[in-house]
Amino acid sequence: MAIALRGCPDELWEASIYGVKKTDQWAWPPTDRDGQPFDDPAVRERKLQAMSAVWRTASHALWFTDLDLSATEADWAPPAPFSPRDEEAYVVPPTYSRDQVFGYVDHCRRKVDKLFGDLTDDQAAAQLPEPHRNGGTSLAAILVQGVVHLQLHSAQVRTFLRGRGIRCADE
């Protein structure tokens, strides 16, 4: 994700990777973190399209990466300015800056280093308790699914940039 984001020019940071429609049930109506819809039609449309913006795609992927890396933590919350409510239905958080998103990348990298530095085979094989959103699934399975999710969204950003003639540093 970091490689793709470094390749994204400033003018595309807020660009939509794909068009979002009012008929997309997961997206309508867009709301703020308090669940309030945006009253101004122009703002509402801009927020609707922001659901697939480069910054939003990255923050979404990193939010879930952080959550998955924290699967055994009882009191998980993302680092500020990100919010536990960012991934609630229809929520479009305020636009995150490049520095904020890259800070989240670094946060997740530190969590990866800590988790995998201490992880035992028994811990990886242990099933998460039922109250967890992935209860009954092993930590190892959650971590693999998380990598796939992060890779999917990284590929979306890369494909979007490639379609505009922009190659990432590793290409």
Protein backbone atom coordinates (compact mmCIF):
# COMPACT_ATOMS: atom_id res chain seq x y z
CA MET A 1 0.00 0.00 0.00
CA ALA A 2 2.81 2.42 0.86
CA ILE A 3 4.43 1.91 -2.55
CA ALA A 4 1.14 2.61 -4.32
CA LEU A 5 0.42 5.67 -2.20
CA ARG A 6 3.89 7.10 -2.74
CA GLY A 7 3.20 6.87 -6.47
CA CYS A 8 -0.08 8.78 -6.19
CA PRO A 9 0.28 12.43 -7.21
CA ASP A 10 -1.38 15.02 -4.99
CA GLU A 11 -3.97 15.84 -7.63
CA LEU A 12 -5.30 12.25 -7.50
CA TRP A 13 -5.32 11.83 -3.69
CA GLU A 14 -9.03 12.66 -3.51
CA ALA A 15 -9.98 11.17 -6.89
CA SER A 16 -12.46 8.29 -6.97
CA ILE A 17 -11.02 4.97 -8.05
CA TYR A 18 -14.45 3.93 -9.33
CA GLY A 19 -17.84 5.62 -9.51
CA VAL A 20 -20.14 5.14 -6.52
CA LYS A 21 -23.88 5.24 -7.20
CA LYS A 22 -26.83 6.09 -4.98
CA THR A 23 -28.12 2.60 -5.73
CA ASP A 24 -25.04 1.05 -4.06
CA GLN A 25 -26.74 -0.05 -0.85
CA TRP A 26 -23.48 0.03 1.12
CA ALA A 27 -22.96 3.68 0.23
CA TRP A 28 -26.26 5.54 0.42
CA PRO A 29 -26.82 7.87 2.12
CA PRO A 30 -23.30 8.98 3.06
CA THR A 31 -23.09 10.24 6.64
CA ASP A 32 -20.62 11.84 8.99
CA ARG A 33 -19.20 9.95 11.99
CA ASP A 34 -22.26 10.89 14.06
CA GLY A 35 -24.53 9.22 11.51
CA GLN A 36 -25.85 12.52 10.17
CA PRO A 37 -26.45 12.69 6.42
CA PHE A 38 -24.99 15.59 4.47
CA ASP A 39 -27.83 18.00 3.65
CA ASP A 40 -26.23 19.95 0.81
CA PRO A 41 -26.69 17.91 -2.43
CA ALA A 42 -23.27 18.92 -3.76
CA VAL A 43 -21.54 17.91 -0.51
CA ARG A 44 -23.55 14.67 -0.43
CA GLU A 45 -22.40 13.78 -3.97
CA ARG A 46 -18.78 14.67 -3.18
CA LYS A 47 -18.90 12.52 -0.03
CA LEU A 48 -20.51 9.68 -1.98
CA GLN A 49 -17.63 9.68 -4.48
CA ALA A 50 -15.12 10.03 -1.62
CA MET A 51 -16.10 6.49 -0.57
CA SER A 52 -13.86 5.22 -3.37
CA ALA A 53 -11.17 7.92 -3.23
CA VAL A 54 -7.53 6.90 -3.05
CA TRP A 55 -7.18 8.22 0.53
CA ARG A 56 -10.42 6.48 1.60
CA THR A 57 -9.49 3.17 0.01
CA ALA A 58 -6.15 3.28 1.82
CA SER A 59 -7.59 4.33 5.18
CA HIS A 60 -10.26 1.61 4.92
CA ALA A 61 -7.66 -1.08 4.19
CA LEU A 62 -5.35 0.14 6.96
CA TRP A 63 -8.20 0.39 9.48
CA PHE A 64 -9.07 -3.27 8.93
CA THR A 65 -5.40 -4.27 8.88
CA ASP A 66 -4.97 -2.59 12.26
CA LEU A 67 -8.13 -4.27 13.58
CA ASP A 68 -6.98 -7.71 12.39
CA LEU A 69 -3.52 -7.22 13.86
CA SER A 70 -5.26 -6.37 17.14
CA ALA A 71 -7.61 -9.37 17.11
CA THR A 72 -6.56 -10.46 20.60
CA GLU A 73 -6.78 -6.96 22.12
CA ALA A 74 -9.95 -6.27 24.09
CA ASP A 75 -9.78 -2.49 23.88
CA TRP A 76 -8.68 -1.84 20.29
CA ALA A 77 -9.04 1.62 18.78
CA PRO A 78 -7.27 3.07 15.75
CA PRO A 79 -4.73 5.85 16.31
CA ALA A 80 -5.98 9.44 16.15
CA PRO A 81 -7.25 11.04 13.96
CA PHE A 82 -8.83 7.79 12.75
CA SER A 83 -11.98 6.71 14.54
CA PRO A 84 -13.56 3.40 15.50
CA ARG A 85 -16.65 4.75 13.71
CA ASP A 86 -14.85 5.25 10.36
CA GLU A 87 -16.06 1.89 9.08
CA GLU A 88 -19.64 2.05 10.27
CA ALA A 89 -22.27 1.83 7.54
CA TYR A 90 -22.36 4.85 5.22
CA VAL A 91 -19.75 6.84 7.19
CA VAL A 92 -17.38 9.02 5.22
CA PRO A 93 -14.74 10.38 7.60
CA PRO A 94 -13.02 13.71 7.01
CA THR A 95 -10.42 13.52 4.24
CA TYR A 96 -7.18 12.15 5.67
CA SER A 97 -3.94 13.76 4.57
CA ARG A 98 -1.01 11.88 3.09
CA ASP A 99 0.90 12.35 6.35
CA GLN A 100 -1.97 10.88 8.36
CA VAL A 101 -2.34 7.86 6.08
CA PHE A 102 1.43 7.25 5.97
CA GLY A 103 1.41 7.53 9.77
CA TYR A 104 -1.18 4.75 9.78
CA VAL A 105 1.05 2.66 7.49
CA ASP A 106 3.89 3.07 10.00
CA HIS A 107 1.56 2.24 12.90
CA CYS A 108 0.53 -1.01 11.18
CA ARG A 109 4.14 -1.88 10.36
CA ARG A 110 5.07 -1.54 14.04
CA LYS A 111 2.13 -3.78 14.98
CA VAL A 112 3.24 -6.40 12.44
CA ASP A 113 6.77 -6.38 13.87
CA LYS A 114 5.50 -6.74 17.45
CA LEU A 115 2.85 -9.36 16.71
CA PHE A 116 5.02 -11.60 14.57
CA GLY A 117 8.06 -11.12 16.80
CA ASP A 118 6.14 -12.64 19.71
CA LEU A 119 3.68 -15.00 17.94
CA THR A 120 3.83 -18.70 18.75
CA ASP A 121 2.33 -21.53 16.69
CA ASP A 122 -0.18 -22.18 19.48
CA GLN A 123 -1.27 -18.53 19.52
CA ALA A 124 -1.68 -18.52 15.74
CA ALA A 125 -3.77 -21.70 15.83
CA ALA A 126 -6.00 -20.51 18.68
CA GLN A 127 -9.55 -19.62 17.75
CA LEU A 128 -10.81 -16.17 18.58
CA PRO A 129 -13.58 -16.09 21.20
CA GLU A 130 -17.20 -15.89 20.00
CA PRO A 131 -17.84 -12.25 20.98
CA HIS A 132 -15.16 -11.25 18.45
CA ARG A 133 -16.45 -10.37 14.96
CA ASN A 134 -14.45 -13.38 13.69
CA GLY A 135 -15.15 -15.62 16.67
CA GLY A 136 -14.36 -19.28 16.07
CA THR A 137 -11.73 -18.47 13.44
CA SER A 138 -8.03 -18.92 14.13
CA LEU A 139 -5.80 -15.90 14.49
CA ALA A 140 -3.68 -17.26 11.62
CA ALA A 141 -6.71 -17.32 9.30
CA ILE A 142 -7.64 -13.75 10.25
CA LEU A 143 -4.09 -12.57 9.55
CA VAL A 144 -4.02 -14.27 6.14
CA GLN A 145 -7.44 -12.82 5.25
CA GLY A 146 -6.13 -9.41 6.33
CA VAL A 147 -3.17 -9.65 3.98
CA VAL A 148 -5.49 -10.55 1.12
CA HIS A 149 -7.77 -7.60 1.94
CA LEU A 150 -4.83 -5.18 2.08
CA GLN A 151 -3.43 -6.57 -1.16
CA LEU A 152 -6.82 -6.20 -2.89
CA HIS A 153 -7.10 -2.52 -2.04
CA SER A 154 -3.45 -1.86 -2.83
CA ALA A 155 -4.06 -3.39 -6.25
CA GLN A 156 -7.10 -1.15 -6.74
CA VAL A 157 -4.98 1.94 -6.09
CA ARG A 158 -2.19 0.68 -8.34
CA THR A 159 -4.61 -0.18 -11.15
CA PHE A 160 -6.23 3.23 -10.87
CA LEU A 161 -2.84 4.95 -11.11
CA ARG A 162 -1.65 2.69 -13.91
CA GLY A 163 -4.78 3.60 -15.88
CA ARG A 164 -3.59 7.18 -15.72
CA GLY A 165 -0.10 6.31 -16.91
CA ILE A 166 1.49 6.43 -13.45
CA ARG A 167 3.86 3.66 -12.50
CA CYS A 168 4.81 2.92 -8.92
CA ALA A 169 8.45 2.93 -7.84
CA ASP A 170 8.78 -0.87 -7.89
CA GLU A 171 7.55 -1.29 -11.50
